[in-house]
Amino acid sequence: MKGKNAMAEKTITIEIDEQGNSSLDLSGFQGKGCGDVAKALQGADTVAKSQKKPEFHVEVAALHAMVQRRQ
């Protein structure tokens, strides 16, 4: 059983189809950290499509709310 302070498990899934097209799915990452990992794995490759998961937007909204409370 994991405690409240246990870090969330992070999973990176890379799929490559028969034509050589690849897709990357990152789970367990939060906010900008997800983008940093994706960029590191991308290297010099070109990204054709990028889509942020709902978890990204929840983290960003929580950060904005925290900043507003401090002001």
N, C-alpha and C. Protein backbone atom coordinates (compact mmCIF):
# COMPACT_ATOMS: atom_id res chain seq x y z
N MET A 1 0.84 -1.17 0.00
CA MET A 1 0.00 0.00 0.00
C MET A 1 0.89 1.24 0.00
N LYS A 2 0.57 2.20 -0.85
CA LYS A 2 1.38 3.40 -0.96
C LYS A 2 0.85 4.46 0.00
N GLY A 3 1.79 5.20 0.61
CA GLY A 3 1.42 6.29 1.50
C GLY A 3 1.08 7.53 0.71
N LYS A 4 0.62 8.56 1.44
CA LYS A 4 0.23 9.81 0.78
C LYS A 4 1.40 10.47 0.08
N ASN A 5 2.61 10.33 0.62
CA ASN A 5 3.78 10.99 0.05
C ASN A 5 4.52 10.14 -0.98
N ALA A 6 4.01 8.96 -1.29
CA ALA A 6 4.67 8.11 -2.28
C ALA A 6 4.58 8.75 -3.66
N MET A 7 5.67 8.67 -4.41
CA MET A 7 5.69 9.25 -5.75
C MET A 7 4.84 8.40 -6.69
N ALA A 8 4.14 9.07 -7.60
CA ALA A 8 3.33 8.36 -8.58
C ALA A 8 4.24 7.61 -9.54
N GLU A 9 3.79 6.45 -9.95
CA GLU A 9 4.55 5.66 -10.92
C GLU A 9 4.53 6.36 -12.26
N LYS A 10 5.66 6.42 -12.90
CA LYS A 10 5.78 7.04 -14.22
C LYS A 10 5.97 5.95 -15.27
N THR A 11 5.22 6.06 -16.36
CA THR A 11 5.27 5.07 -17.43
C THR A 11 5.46 5.77 -18.77
N ILE A 12 6.39 5.27 -19.57
CA ILE A 12 6.63 5.78 -20.92
C ILE A 12 6.32 4.65 -21.89
N THR A 13 5.37 4.88 -22.79
CA THR A 13 4.99 3.88 -23.79
C THR A 13 5.32 4.42 -25.17
N ILE A 14 6.12 3.69 -25.92
CA ILE A 14 6.49 4.07 -27.29
C ILE A 14 5.99 2.97 -28.21
N GLU A 15 5.20 3.37 -29.21
CA GLU A 15 4.69 2.41 -30.20
C GLU A 15 5.22 2.81 -31.58
N ILE A 16 5.65 1.82 -32.35
CA ILE A 16 6.14 2.05 -33.71
C ILE A 16 5.34 1.14 -34.64
N ASP A 17 4.67 1.75 -35.65
CA ASP A 17 3.86 0.95 -36.58
C ASP A 17 4.71 0.40 -37.72
N GLU A 18 4.08 -0.34 -38.63
CA GLU A 18 4.80 -0.98 -39.73
C GLU A 18 5.44 0.02 -40.69
N GLN A 19 4.91 1.25 -40.74
CA GLN A 19 5.47 2.27 -41.63
C GLN A 19 6.60 3.06 -40.95
N GLY A 20 6.90 2.74 -39.71
CA GLY A 20 7.97 3.43 -39.00
C GLY A 20 7.51 4.66 -38.23
N ASN A 21 6.20 4.93 -38.23
CA ASN A 21 5.67 6.05 -37.46
C ASN A 21 5.62 5.66 -35.99
N SER A 22 6.00 6.58 -35.13
CA SER A 22 6.01 6.27 -33.71
C SER A 22 5.07 7.18 -32.94
N SER A 23 4.61 6.69 -31.79
CA SER A 23 3.81 7.51 -30.89
C SER A 23 4.38 7.33 -29.49
N LEU A 24 4.21 8.36 -28.69
CA LEU A 24 4.78 8.39 -27.35
C LEU A 24 3.66 8.74 -26.38
N ASP A 25 3.51 7.95 -25.32
CA ASP A 25 2.51 8.22 -24.29
C ASP A 25 3.22 8.26 -22.94
N LEU A 26 3.07 9.36 -22.22
CA LEU A 26 3.69 9.52 -20.91
C LEU A 26 2.59 9.55 -19.86
N SER A 27 2.70 8.71 -18.85
CA SER A 27 1.74 8.67 -17.75
C SER A 27 2.46 8.87 -16.43
N GLY A 28 1.82 9.60 -15.53
CA GLY A 28 2.38 9.82 -14.21
C GLY A 28 3.24 11.06 -14.10
N PHE A 29 3.43 11.77 -15.20
CA PHE A 29 4.21 13.01 -15.19
C PHE A 29 3.24 14.17 -14.97
N GLN A 30 3.76 15.27 -14.42
CA GLN A 30 2.89 16.41 -14.14
C GLN A 30 3.42 17.67 -14.80
N GLY A 31 2.49 18.46 -15.35
CA GLY A 31 2.82 19.77 -15.89
C GLY A 31 3.98 19.77 -16.87
N LYS A 32 4.88 20.72 -16.67
CA LYS A 32 6.01 20.93 -17.58
C LYS A 32 6.96 19.73 -17.63
N GLY A 33 7.01 18.94 -16.57
CA GLY A 33 7.89 17.77 -16.53
C GLY A 33 7.61 16.81 -17.66
N CYS A 34 6.36 16.68 -18.02
CA CYS A 34 5.97 15.79 -19.12
C CYS A 34 6.58 16.29 -20.44
N GLY A 35 6.47 17.59 -20.69
CA GLY A 35 7.02 18.16 -21.91
C GLY A 35 8.53 18.04 -21.97
N ASP A 36 9.19 18.19 -20.82
CA ASP A 36 10.64 18.06 -20.78
C ASP A 36 11.08 16.65 -21.16
N VAL A 37 10.38 15.64 -20.65
CA VAL A 37 10.72 14.25 -20.96
C VAL A 37 10.45 13.96 -22.43
N ALA A 38 9.31 14.43 -22.94
CA ALA A 38 8.97 14.21 -24.35
C ALA A 38 10.01 14.83 -25.26
N LYS A 39 10.44 16.04 -24.94
CA LYS A 39 11.44 16.73 -25.77
C LYS A 39 12.77 15.97 -25.74
N ALA A 40 13.15 15.46 -24.58
CA ALA A 40 14.40 14.70 -24.47
C ALA A 40 14.34 13.42 -25.30
N LEU A 41 13.20 12.75 -25.30
CA LEU A 41 13.05 11.52 -26.08
C LEU A 41 12.93 11.81 -27.58
N GLN A 42 12.41 12.99 -27.92
CA GLN A 42 12.21 13.37 -29.33
C GLN A 42 13.54 13.53 -30.05
N GLY A 43 14.52 14.09 -29.37
CA GLY A 43 15.81 14.33 -30.02
C GLY A 43 15.64 15.25 -31.21
N ALA A 44 16.20 14.88 -32.36
CA ALA A 44 16.13 15.70 -33.56
C ALA A 44 14.93 15.36 -34.44
N ASP A 45 14.09 14.41 -33.99
CA ASP A 45 12.92 14.02 -34.76
C ASP A 45 11.89 15.14 -34.80
N THR A 46 11.07 15.15 -35.84
CA THR A 46 10.01 16.13 -35.99
C THR A 46 8.71 15.60 -35.41
N VAL A 47 7.98 16.44 -34.70
CA VAL A 47 6.70 16.05 -34.13
C VAL A 47 5.60 16.45 -35.10
N ALA A 48 4.78 15.47 -35.52
CA ALA A 48 3.69 15.74 -36.44
C ALA A 48 2.44 16.19 -35.70
N LYS A 49 2.23 15.67 -34.48
CA LYS A 49 1.04 16.00 -33.71
C LYS A 49 1.36 15.86 -32.23
N SER A 50 0.92 16.84 -31.46
CA SER A 50 1.13 16.81 -30.02
C SER A 50 -0.19 17.10 -29.33
N GLN A 51 -0.53 16.31 -28.32
CA GLN A 51 -1.78 16.49 -27.61
C GLN A 51 -1.53 16.32 -26.11
N LYS A 52 -1.94 17.30 -25.33
CA LYS A 52 -1.77 17.23 -23.88
C LYS A 52 -2.96 16.50 -23.27
N LYS A 53 -2.68 15.65 -22.28
CA LYS A 53 -3.73 14.92 -21.58
C LYS A 53 -4.43 15.84 -20.58
N PRO A 54 -5.61 15.47 -20.14
CA PRO A 54 -6.33 16.27 -19.14
C PRO A 54 -5.52 16.51 -17.86
N GLU A 55 -4.67 15.57 -17.49
CA GLU A 55 -3.85 15.71 -16.28
C GLU A 55 -2.95 16.94 -16.36
N PHE A 56 -2.45 17.25 -17.54
CA PHE A 56 -1.60 18.43 -17.72
C PHE A 56 -2.37 19.69 -17.37
N HIS A 57 -3.58 19.79 -17.89
CA HIS A 57 -4.38 20.99 -17.69
C HIS A 57 -4.81 21.14 -16.23
N VAL A 58 -5.06 20.05 -15.53
CA VAL A 58 -5.42 20.10 -14.11
C VAL A 58 -4.25 20.64 -13.32
N GLU A 59 -3.04 20.17 -13.61
CA GLU A 59 -1.84 20.63 -12.90
C GLU A 59 -1.61 22.11 -13.14
N VAL A 60 -1.77 22.57 -14.37
CA VAL A 60 -1.56 23.98 -14.69
C VAL A 60 -2.61 24.84 -13.98
N ALA A 61 -3.86 24.41 -13.97
CA ALA A 61 -4.92 25.16 -13.30
C ALA A 61 -4.65 25.25 -11.80
N ALA A 62 -4.18 24.18 -11.19
CA ALA A 62 -3.86 24.18 -9.76
C ALA A 62 -2.71 25.14 -9.47
N LEU A 63 -1.72 25.19 -10.33
CA LEU A 63 -0.59 26.10 -10.16
C LEU A 63 -1.05 27.55 -10.24
N HIS A 64 -1.92 27.87 -11.20
CA HIS A 64 -2.43 29.23 -11.33
C HIS A 64 -3.24 29.63 -10.09
N ALA A 65 -4.04 28.72 -9.58
CA ALA A 65 -4.84 29.02 -8.38
C ALA A 65 -3.93 29.29 -7.19
N MET A 66 -2.86 28.52 -7.05
CA MET A 66 -1.93 28.71 -5.95
C MET A 66 -1.24 30.07 -6.06
N VAL A 67 -0.84 30.47 -7.24
CA VAL A 67 -0.18 31.77 -7.46
C VAL A 67 -1.15 32.90 -7.11
N GLN A 68 -2.39 32.78 -7.53
CA GLN A 68 -3.38 33.82 -7.25
C GLN A 68 -3.63 33.98 -5.75
N ARG A 69 -3.62 32.88 -5.00
CA ARG A 69 -3.83 32.95 -3.55
C ARG A 69 -2.69 33.67 -2.86
N ARG A 70 -1.49 33.55 -3.39
CA ARG A 70 -0.32 34.19 -2.78
C ARG A 70 -0.29 35.69 -3.03
N GLN A 71 -0.99 36.15 -4.04
CA GLN A 71 -0.94 37.59 -4.39
C GLN A 71 -1.84 38.40 -3.54
